[in-house]
Amino acid sequence: MFFKKLKENAKMFLKGMSWAGAARIRGEAIAENDIFYLLCFSDLLGIPNPGLYYTLEILPYMSKEMRSWEWKMLIKDTVSEAGEHDIA
């Protein structure tokens, strides 16, 4: 009885740890993705980008997420707080 309960509690503990870790990793990935988009397509937000000619080559591969990223950046108070509250 005791070992069965201990095993069940250990399972629940490890499952909880994995979900929290996955959420943190997902949040970090979203923040890094936002920074990458900002570096590549900052001119869409009014920030000059001298490497725009070269980043336009990857635009067809990133166009599916472009509108949602741009909207997410525009509703933030500042661009620097992008990714702080994006853990889903």
C-alpha atoms as a PDB file:
ATOM      1  CA  MET A   1       0.000   0.000   0.000  1.00  0.00           C
ATOM      2  CA  PHE A   2       2.711   2.459   1.026  1.00  0.00           C
ATOM      3  CA  PHE A   3       4.934   1.654  -1.965  1.00  0.00           C
ATOM      4  CA  LYS A   4       2.024   1.894  -4.362  1.00  0.00           C
ATOM      5  CA  LYS A   5       1.185   5.373  -3.069  1.00  0.00           C
ATOM      6  CA  LEU A   6       4.867   6.353  -3.159  1.00  0.00           C
ATOM      7  CA  LYS A   7       5.162   5.159  -6.759  1.00  0.00           C
ATOM      8  CA  GLU A   8       2.027   7.087  -7.755  1.00  0.00           C
ATOM      9  CA  ASN A   9       3.286  10.256  -6.063  1.00  0.00           C
ATOM     10  CA  ALA A  10       6.694   9.903  -7.735  1.00  0.00           C
ATOM     11  CA  LYS A  11       5.006   9.534 -11.132  1.00  0.00           C
ATOM     12  CA  MET A  12       2.917  12.654 -10.565  1.00  0.00           C
ATOM     13  CA  PHE A  13       5.977  14.583  -9.383  1.00  0.00           C
ATOM     14  CA  LEU A  14       8.026  13.676 -12.443  1.00  0.00           C
ATOM     15  CA  LYS A  15       5.129  14.426 -14.782  1.00  0.00           C
ATOM     16  CA  GLY A  16       4.725  17.845 -13.215  1.00  0.00           C
ATOM     17  CA  MET A  17       8.407  18.574 -13.596  1.00  0.00           C
ATOM     18  CA  SER A  18       8.350  17.683 -17.268  1.00  0.00           C
ATOM     19  CA  TRP A  19       5.367  19.928 -18.046  1.00  0.00           C
ATOM     20  CA  ALA A  20       6.945  22.906 -16.292  1.00  0.00           C
ATOM     21  CA  GLY A  21      10.203  22.341 -18.152  1.00  0.00           C
ATOM     22  CA  ALA A  22       8.412  22.107 -21.485  1.00  0.00           C
ATOM     23  CA  ALA A  23       6.549  25.364 -20.829  1.00  0.00           C
ATOM     24  CA  ARG A  24       9.794  27.158 -19.946  1.00  0.00           C
ATOM     25  CA  ILE A  25      11.538  25.822 -23.055  1.00  0.00           C
ATOM     26  CA  ARG A  26       8.550  26.798 -25.226  1.00  0.00           C
ATOM     27  CA  GLY A  27       8.664  30.326 -23.788  1.00  0.00           C
ATOM     28  CA  GLU A  28      12.379  30.631 -24.473  1.00  0.00           C
ATOM     29  CA  ALA A  29      11.910  29.369 -28.042  1.00  0.00           C
ATOM     30  CA  ILE A  30       9.153  31.928 -28.653  1.00  0.00           C
ATOM     31  CA  ALA A  31      11.346  34.724 -27.294  1.00  0.00           C
ATOM     32  CA  GLU A  32      14.298  33.693 -29.480  1.00  0.00           C
ATOM     33  CA  ASN A  33      12.036  33.403 -32.511  1.00  0.00           C
ATOM     34  CA  ASP A  34      10.757  36.941 -31.864  1.00  0.00           C
ATOM     35  CA  ILE A  35      14.311  38.260 -31.639  1.00  0.00           C
ATOM     36  CA  PHE A  36      15.228  36.536 -34.909  1.00  0.00           C
ATOM     37  CA  TYR A  37      12.224  38.061 -36.672  1.00  0.00           C
ATOM     38  CA  LEU A  38      13.083  41.459 -35.203  1.00  0.00           C
ATOM     39  CA  LEU A  39      16.651  41.246 -36.489  1.00  0.00           C
ATOM     40  CA  CYS A  40      15.536  40.148 -39.950  1.00  0.00           C
ATOM     41  CA  PHE A  41      12.441  42.286 -40.484  1.00  0.00           C
ATOM     42  CA  SER A  42      12.812  45.250 -38.151  1.00  0.00           C
ATOM     43  CA  ASP A  43      12.005  47.646 -41.002  1.00  0.00           C
ATOM     44  CA  LEU A  44       8.353  46.518 -40.782  1.00  0.00           C
ATOM     45  CA  LEU A  45       8.286  48.184 -37.356  1.00  0.00           C
ATOM     46  CA  GLY A  46      10.100  51.308 -38.529  1.00  0.00           C
ATOM     47  CA  ILE A  47      13.600  50.346 -37.396  1.00  0.00           C
ATOM     48  CA  PRO A  48      16.162  50.705 -40.215  1.00  0.00           C
ATOM     49  CA  ASN A  49      17.746  47.447 -41.318  1.00  0.00           C
ATOM     50  CA  PRO A  50      20.848  47.695 -43.533  1.00  0.00           C
ATOM     51  CA  GLY A  51      20.730  43.964 -44.318  1.00  0.00           C
ATOM     52  CA  LEU A  52      17.176  44.012 -45.663  1.00  0.00           C
ATOM     53  CA  TYR A  53      18.233  42.930 -49.139  1.00  0.00           C
ATOM     54  CA  TYR A  54      19.660  39.673 -47.795  1.00  0.00           C
ATOM     55  CA  THR A  55      16.837  38.946 -45.357  1.00  0.00           C
ATOM     56  CA  LEU A  56      14.237  39.265 -48.107  1.00  0.00           C
ATOM     57  CA  GLU A  57      15.524  35.982 -49.518  1.00  0.00           C
ATOM     58  CA  ILE A  58      14.110  34.075 -46.529  1.00  0.00           C
ATOM     59  CA  LEU A  59      10.771  35.909 -46.560  1.00  0.00           C
ATOM     60  CA  PRO A  60       8.880  33.190 -48.520  1.00  0.00           C
ATOM     61  CA  TYR A  61       9.819  30.628 -45.861  1.00  0.00           C
ATOM     62  CA  MET A  62       8.710  32.859 -42.997  1.00  0.00           C
ATOM     63  CA  SER A  63       5.640  34.487 -44.505  1.00  0.00           C
ATOM     64  CA  LYS A  64       3.149  32.178 -42.760  1.00  0.00           C
ATOM     65  CA  GLU A  65       4.095  33.528 -39.340  1.00  0.00           C
ATOM     66  CA  MET A  66       4.881  37.079 -40.409  1.00  0.00           C
ATOM     67  CA  ARG A  67       1.457  38.635 -39.833  1.00  0.00           C
ATOM     68  CA  SER A  68       1.013  37.146 -36.362  1.00  0.00           C
ATOM     69  CA  TRP A  69       4.547  38.168 -35.354  1.00  0.00           C
ATOM     70  CA  GLU A  70       4.075  41.713 -36.604  1.00  0.00           C
ATOM     71  CA  TRP A  71       0.772  42.011 -34.753  1.00  0.00           C
ATOM     72  CA  LYS A  72       2.351  40.634 -31.574  1.00  0.00           C
ATOM     73  CA  MET A  73       5.178  43.162 -31.789  1.00  0.00           C
ATOM     74  CA  LEU A  74       2.832  46.072 -32.439  1.00  0.00           C
ATOM     75  CA  ILE A  75       0.608  45.371 -29.426  1.00  0.00           C
ATOM     76  CA  LYS A  76       3.556  45.276 -27.014  1.00  0.00           C
ATOM     77  CA  ASP A  77       4.337  48.481 -25.103  1.00  0.00           C
ATOM     78  CA  THR A  78       7.944  48.221 -26.231  1.00  0.00           C
ATOM     79  CA  VAL A  79       9.735  45.831 -28.519  1.00  0.00           C
ATOM     80  CA  SER A  80      12.172  44.983 -25.726  1.00  0.00           C
ATOM     81  CA  GLU A  81       9.460  43.268 -23.668  1.00  0.00           C
ATOM     82  CA  ALA A  82       8.633  40.840 -26.480  1.00  0.00           C
ATOM     83  CA  GLY A  83       8.775  37.289 -25.255  1.00  0.00           C
ATOM     84  CA  GLU A  84       8.498  38.029 -21.537  1.00  0.00           C
ATOM     85  CA  HIS A  85       4.876  36.932 -21.225  1.00  0.00           C
ATOM     86  CA  ASP A  86       4.553  34.535 -24.146  1.00  0.00           C
ATOM     87  CA  ILE A  87       4.642  31.269 -22.224  1.00  0.00           C
ATOM     88  CA  ALA A  88       1.586  29.385 -23.373  1.00  0.00           C
END
